[in-house]
N, C-alpha and C. Protein backbone atom coordinates (compact mmCIF):
# COMPACT_ATOMS: atom_id res chain seq x y z
N MET A 1 -3.45 -33.61 -14.22
CA MET A 1 -2.37 -32.74 -13.26
C MET A 1 -2.35 -32.09 -12.49
N GLU A 2 -1.70 -31.84 -11.46
CA GLU A 2 -1.98 -31.15 -9.99
C GLU A 2 -2.19 -29.62 -10.59
N ASP A 3 -2.92 -29.24 -9.14
CA ASP A 3 -3.37 -27.98 -9.56
C ASP A 3 -2.13 -26.79 -9.52
N MET A 4 -2.10 -26.08 -10.46
CA MET A 4 -0.80 -25.19 -10.64
C MET A 4 -1.02 -23.67 -9.67
N ASP A 5 -2.04 -23.60 -8.87
CA ASP A 5 -2.26 -22.32 -8.37
C ASP A 5 -1.15 -22.46 -7.12
N PRO A 6 -0.60 -20.56 -7.62
CA PRO A 6 0.80 -20.54 -6.67
C PRO A 6 0.17 -20.39 -5.07
N LEU A 7 -1.18 -20.03 -5.13
CA LEU A 7 -1.64 -19.67 -3.76
C LEU A 7 -1.96 -20.95 -2.75
N ARG A 8 -1.90 -22.07 -3.48
CA ARG A 8 -2.41 -23.46 -2.58
C ARG A 8 -1.34 -23.53 -1.43
N TYR A 9 -0.01 -22.88 -1.61
CA TYR A 9 0.76 -23.21 -0.07
C TYR A 9 0.47 -22.02 0.98
N ILE A 10 -0.42 -21.02 0.63
CA ILE A 10 -0.34 -19.67 1.08
C ILE A 10 -1.71 -19.73 1.93
N ASP A 11 -1.46 -19.05 3.07
CA ASP A 11 -2.78 -19.22 3.85
C ASP A 11 -3.49 -17.82 3.51
N ALA A 12 -4.78 -17.70 2.29
CA ALA A 12 -5.14 -16.35 1.87
C ALA A 12 -5.50 -15.43 2.99
N ASN A 13 -5.82 -15.86 3.96
CA ASN A 13 -6.60 -14.89 4.86
C ASN A 13 -5.54 -14.14 5.57
N LYS A 14 -4.63 -14.63 5.83
CA LYS A 14 -3.01 -13.78 6.66
C LYS A 14 -2.51 -13.20 5.71
N LEU A 15 -2.54 -13.69 4.04
CA LEU A 15 -1.91 -12.78 3.03
C LEU A 15 -2.53 -11.36 2.95
N LYS A 16 -3.73 -11.51 2.89
CA LYS A 16 -4.92 -10.28 2.28
C LYS A 16 -4.80 -9.21 3.76
N SER A 17 -4.31 -10.13 4.86
CA SER A 17 -4.25 -8.88 6.01
C SER A 17 -3.07 -8.31 6.73
N ALA A 18 -1.88 -9.03 5.83
CA ALA A 18 -0.53 -8.99 6.48
C ALA A 18 -0.33 -7.48 5.87
N PRO A 19 0.40 -6.95 6.96
CA PRO A 19 0.90 -5.65 6.99
C PRO A 19 2.20 -5.69 6.05
N TYR A 20 3.25 -6.53 5.93
CA TYR A 20 4.36 -6.37 4.95
C TYR A 20 4.13 -7.79 4.31
N VAL A 21 4.74 -7.55 2.72
CA VAL A 21 4.88 -8.70 2.12
C VAL A 21 6.29 -8.95 1.42
N PHE A 22 6.96 -10.35 1.78
CA PHE A 22 8.49 -10.38 1.53
C PHE A 22 8.88 -10.92 0.77
N ALA A 23 9.74 -10.69 -0.67
CA ALA A 23 10.18 -11.30 -1.75
C ALA A 23 11.66 -11.37 -1.77
N PRO A 24 12.28 -12.55 -1.40
CA PRO A 24 13.45 -12.59 -1.71
C PRO A 24 13.92 -13.10 -3.28
N VAL A 25 14.69 -12.20 -3.96
CA VAL A 25 15.27 -12.40 -4.94
C VAL A 25 16.56 -12.38 -5.64
N LEU A 26 16.94 -13.70 -6.32
CA LEU A 26 18.04 -13.49 -6.57
C LEU A 26 18.25 -13.14 -8.42
N PHE A 27 19.27 -12.22 -8.19
CA PHE A 27 19.39 -11.33 -9.56
C PHE A 27 21.32 -11.30 -9.57
N ALA A 28 21.82 -11.86 -10.63
CA ALA A 28 23.08 -11.81 -10.68
C ALA A 28 24.23 -12.65 -9.67
N LYS A 29 23.55 -13.52 -9.40
CA LYS A 29 24.26 -14.42 -8.14
C LYS A 29 24.22 -13.71 -7.01
N HIS A 30 23.50 -12.93 -6.97
CA HIS A 30 23.14 -11.97 -5.62
C HIS A 30 21.78 -11.85 -5.08
N TRP A 31 21.56 -12.11 -3.83
CA TRP A 31 20.19 -12.10 -3.28
C TRP A 31 19.90 -10.95 -2.72
N LEU A 32 18.41 -10.43 -2.94
CA LEU A 32 18.40 -9.30 -2.18
C LEU A 32 17.01 -9.37 -1.71
N LEU A 33 16.15 -8.40 -0.98
CA LEU A 33 15.17 -8.65 -0.27
C LEU A 33 14.07 -7.30 -0.78
N TYR A 34 13.02 -7.85 -1.17
CA TYR A 34 11.67 -6.69 -1.30
C TYR A 34 10.95 -7.01 -0.07
N VAL A 35 10.21 -5.78 0.28
CA VAL A 35 9.36 -5.66 1.19
C VAL A 35 8.19 -4.66 0.93
N LEU A 36 7.32 -5.00 0.70
CA LEU A 36 6.05 -4.37 0.06
C LEU A 36 5.25 -3.78 1.64
N ASP A 37 5.49 -2.46 1.89
CA ASP A 37 4.29 -2.06 3.13
C ASP A 37 3.36 -1.81 2.79
N VAL A 38 2.34 -2.99 2.98
CA VAL A 38 1.18 -2.44 2.47
C VAL A 38 0.39 -1.56 3.49
N ASP A 39 0.58 -1.26 4.60
CA ASP A 39 -0.24 -0.18 5.03
C ASP A 39 -0.04 1.33 4.59
N ASN A 40 1.12 1.44 4.34
CA ASN A 40 1.45 2.78 3.97
C ASN A 40 1.77 2.78 2.48
N LYS A 41 1.66 1.45 1.92
CA LYS A 41 1.76 1.73 0.35
C LYS A 41 3.14 2.19 -0.16
N LYS A 42 3.87 1.51 0.39
CA LYS A 42 5.18 1.67 0.05
C LYS A 42 6.29 0.54 -0.24
N PHE A 43 7.25 0.27 -0.96
CA PHE A 43 8.21 -0.82 -1.49
C PHE A 43 9.36 -0.47 -1.22
N TYR A 44 10.15 -1.23 -0.45
CA TYR A 44 11.63 -1.39 -0.01
C TYR A 44 12.43 -2.37 -0.68
N ALA A 45 13.68 -1.88 -0.81
CA ALA A 45 14.45 -3.03 -1.37
C ALA A 45 15.69 -3.03 -0.37
N LEU A 46 16.04 -3.86 0.26
CA LEU A 46 17.26 -4.47 0.97
C LEU A 46 18.38 -5.21 0.25
N ASP A 47 19.64 -4.39 -0.18
CA ASP A 47 20.82 -5.09 -1.00
C ASP A 47 21.85 -4.77 -0.02
N SER A 48 22.44 -5.97 -0.13
CA SER A 48 23.73 -5.62 0.62
C SER A 48 25.00 -5.34 0.18
N LEU A 49 24.62 -5.19 -1.78
CA LEU A 49 25.52 -4.56 -2.69
C LEU A 49 25.77 -3.50 -3.14
N ASN A 50 24.20 -2.71 -3.16
CA ASN A 50 23.76 -1.68 -3.82
C ASN A 50 23.01 -0.87 -3.25
N ALA A 51 23.29 -0.24 -2.03
CA ALA A 51 22.25 0.59 -1.41
C ALA A 51 22.16 2.02 -2.06
N LYS A 52 22.81 2.58 -3.16
CA LYS A 52 22.63 3.70 -3.76
C LYS A 52 22.61 3.65 -5.47
N SER A 53 21.35 4.19 -5.92
CA SER A 53 21.75 4.15 -7.37
C SER A 53 22.03 2.67 -7.75
N PRO A 54 20.50 2.01 -8.07
CA PRO A 54 20.43 0.96 -8.54
C PRO A 54 20.40 1.17 -10.13
N SER A 55 20.94 -0.19 -10.81
CA SER A 55 21.02 -0.02 -12.03
C SER A 55 19.57 -0.14 -12.95
N SER A 56 19.77 0.10 -13.72
CA SER A 56 17.97 0.08 -14.63
C SER A 56 17.39 -1.16 -14.24
N ASP A 57 18.37 -2.20 -14.64
CA ASP A 57 18.00 -3.44 -14.27
C ASP A 57 17.28 -3.78 -13.01
N ARG A 58 18.01 -3.53 -11.86
CA ARG A 58 17.40 -3.59 -10.98
C ARG A 58 16.53 -3.35 -10.37
N ASN A 59 15.81 -1.75 -11.10
CA ASN A 59 14.68 -1.28 -10.91
C ASN A 59 13.91 -1.78 -11.81
N LYS A 60 13.68 -2.66 -12.74
CA LYS A 60 12.75 -3.31 -13.47
C LYS A 60 12.46 -4.53 -12.95
N ILE A 61 13.44 -4.93 -12.33
CA ILE A 61 13.01 -5.77 -11.46
C ILE A 61 12.21 -5.99 -10.10
N GLY A 62 13.04 -4.55 -9.54
CA GLY A 62 11.88 -4.21 -8.41
C GLY A 62 10.17 -3.72 -8.75
N ARG A 63 10.07 -3.03 -9.99
CA ARG A 63 9.03 -3.06 -10.43
C ARG A 63 8.04 -3.99 -10.64
N PHE A 64 8.64 -4.83 -11.36
CA PHE A 64 8.00 -6.05 -11.33
C PHE A 64 7.81 -7.01 -10.29
N ALA A 65 8.66 -6.99 -9.21
CA ALA A 65 8.31 -7.62 -8.02
C ALA A 65 7.45 -6.89 -7.06
N SER A 66 7.08 -5.75 -7.33
CA SER A 66 6.05 -4.68 -6.66
C SER A 66 4.56 -5.36 -7.13
N SER A 67 4.67 -5.72 -8.36
CA SER A 67 3.62 -5.79 -9.30
C SER A 67 3.12 -7.25 -9.24
N VAL A 68 3.98 -7.95 -8.94
CA VAL A 68 3.65 -9.54 -8.78
C VAL A 68 3.01 -9.66 -7.15
N LEU A 69 3.90 -9.01 -6.20
CA LEU A 69 3.24 -9.43 -4.75
C LEU A 69 1.85 -8.72 -4.73
N ASP A 70 1.62 -7.27 -5.40
CA ASP A 70 0.11 -6.70 -5.49
C ASP A 70 -1.01 -7.89 -6.01
N GLN A 71 -0.43 -8.55 -6.89
CA GLN A 71 -1.31 -9.47 -7.62
C GLN A 71 -1.53 -10.63 -6.94
N ILE A 72 -0.27 -11.09 -6.40
CA ILE A 72 -0.51 -12.18 -5.30
C ILE A 72 -1.86 -11.77 -4.18
N ARG A 73 -1.63 -11.03 -4.01
CA ARG A 73 -2.46 -10.08 -2.79
C ARG A 73 -3.95 -10.14 -3.12
N VAL A 74 -4.24 -9.47 -4.42
CA VAL A 74 -5.50 -9.58 -4.98
C VAL A 74 -6.08 -10.99 -5.51
N ARG A 75 -5.34 -11.84 -5.55
CA ARG A 75 -5.72 -12.75 -5.74
C ARG A 75 -6.19 -13.86 -4.46
N ALA A 76 -5.71 -13.60 -3.42
CA ALA A 76 -5.88 -14.11 -1.98
C ALA A 76 -7.06 -12.97 -1.50
N GLY A 77 -7.71 -12.13 -2.41
CA GLY A 77 -8.81 -11.42 -1.89
C GLY A 77 -8.43 -9.82 -1.33
N ALA A 78 -7.25 -9.22 -1.47
CA ALA A 78 -6.76 -8.01 -0.70
C ALA A 78 -7.46 -7.28 -1.80
N THR A 79 -7.74 -5.96 -1.58
CA THR A 79 -7.55 -5.06 -2.69
C THR A 79 -6.08 -4.34 -3.46
N THR A 80 -6.16 -4.08 -4.45
CA THR A 80 -5.13 -3.62 -4.95
C THR A 80 -4.56 -2.21 -4.57
N MET A 81 -3.18 -2.11 -4.67
CA MET A 81 -2.30 -1.17 -3.92
C MET A 81 -2.35 0.12 -5.25
N PHE A 82 -3.01 -0.59 -6.17
CA PHE A 82 -2.85 0.34 -7.57
C PHE A 82 -4.21 0.21 -8.50
N PRO A 83 -5.40 0.91 -7.58
CA PRO A 83 -6.76 0.93 -7.64
C PRO A 83 -7.05 1.56 -9.40
N ASN A 84 -6.20 2.72 -9.66
CA ASN A 84 -6.70 3.24 -10.74
C ASN A 84 -5.91 2.82 -12.12
N LYS A 85 -4.96 1.79 -11.91
CA LYS A 85 -4.08 1.36 -13.10
C LYS A 85 -4.27 -0.08 -13.46
N THR A 86 -4.14 -0.20 -14.15
CA THR A 86 -4.22 -1.91 -14.78
C THR A 86 -2.83 -2.51 -14.06
N ARG A 87 -3.28 -3.31 -13.29
CA ARG A 87 -2.09 -4.12 -12.36
C ARG A 87 -1.04 -5.26 -13.05
N ALA A 88 -1.37 -5.31 -14.53
CA ALA A 88 -1.01 -6.34 -15.16
C ALA A 88 0.51 -5.27 -16.07
N VAL A 89 0.30 -3.99 -15.91
CA VAL A 89 1.58 -3.34 -16.62
C VAL A 89 2.66 -2.61 -15.62
N VAL A 90 3.50 -3.12 -15.84
CA VAL A 90 4.68 -3.26 -14.81
C VAL A 90 4.84 -1.48 -14.56
N SER A 91 4.56 -0.88 -15.47
CA SER A 91 5.39 0.77 -15.34
C SER A 91 4.66 1.51 -14.14
N PHE A 92 2.95 1.06 -13.56
CA PHE A 92 2.39 1.66 -12.87
C PHE A 92 2.82 0.95 -11.43
N SER A 93 3.47 0.00 -11.51
CA SER A 93 4.08 -0.37 -9.89
C SER A 93 4.94 0.57 -9.36
N LEU A 94 5.30 0.33 -7.96
CA LEU A 94 6.17 0.83 -7.31
C LEU A 94 7.32 0.57 -7.60
N LEU A 95 8.55 1.72 -7.71
CA LEU A 95 9.93 1.66 -7.60
C LEU A 95 10.28 1.77 -6.16
N PRO A 96 11.33 0.66 -5.89
CA PRO A 96 11.34 0.55 -4.54
C PRO A 96 12.62 1.46 -3.98
N LYS A 97 12.32 1.87 -2.82
CA LYS A 97 13.33 2.79 -2.00
C LYS A 97 14.51 1.59 -1.51
N TYR A 98 15.70 1.99 -1.71
CA TYR A 98 16.74 1.33 -1.16
C TYR A 98 17.16 1.55 -0.05
N ILE A 99 16.96 0.75 1.06
CA ILE A 99 17.28 0.95 2.79
C ILE A 99 18.67 0.84 3.06
N PRO A 100 19.01 1.85 3.49
CA PRO A 100 20.82 1.21 3.77
C PRO A 100 20.55 0.22 4.67
N VAL A 101 21.63 -0.71 4.36
CA VAL A 101 22.03 -1.70 5.30
C VAL A 101 23.60 -2.30 4.95
N PRO A 102 24.38 -2.99 6.20
CA PRO A 102 25.57 -3.11 5.76
C PRO A 102 25.73 -3.56 4.73
N ARG A 103 26.89 -3.30 4.10
CA ARG A 103 27.69 -3.67 2.84
C ARG A 103 28.20 -5.30 3.40
N GLN A 104 28.00 -5.88 2.41
CA GLN A 104 29.14 -7.08 2.80
C GLN A 104 30.41 -6.95 2.10
N PRO A 105 31.38 -7.43 2.41
CA PRO A 105 32.51 -7.29 2.50
C PRO A 105 33.53 -7.65 1.00
N ASN A 106 32.70 -8.85 0.45
CA ASN A 106 32.95 -9.52 -0.78
C ASN A 106 32.07 -8.88 -1.83
N ALA A 107 32.49 -9.14 -3.19
CA ALA A 107 31.81 -8.90 -4.37
C ALA A 107 30.72 -10.06 -4.87
């Protein structure tokens, strides 16, 4: 069976030193972009449909995405953004701040 390591396509040295990590996510037939700002320990969401007051489902997805991105960085050899917490517990991850972006004209 082929190696199932998701990092086989990623340059671990570049990932662990990258100042930002991006994650496009498809949710309810709509794409949004999560951005992990590693240097400032911040997490952002760019969403052309929901710039304010995201639903609890979107918040759950955002927390999950920040946790997964942090775990991927750790597997590449970087230090965790959550040093005092268990990385596997999503409740300790970052809730994304929604950045104002132009709203798309259709639903």
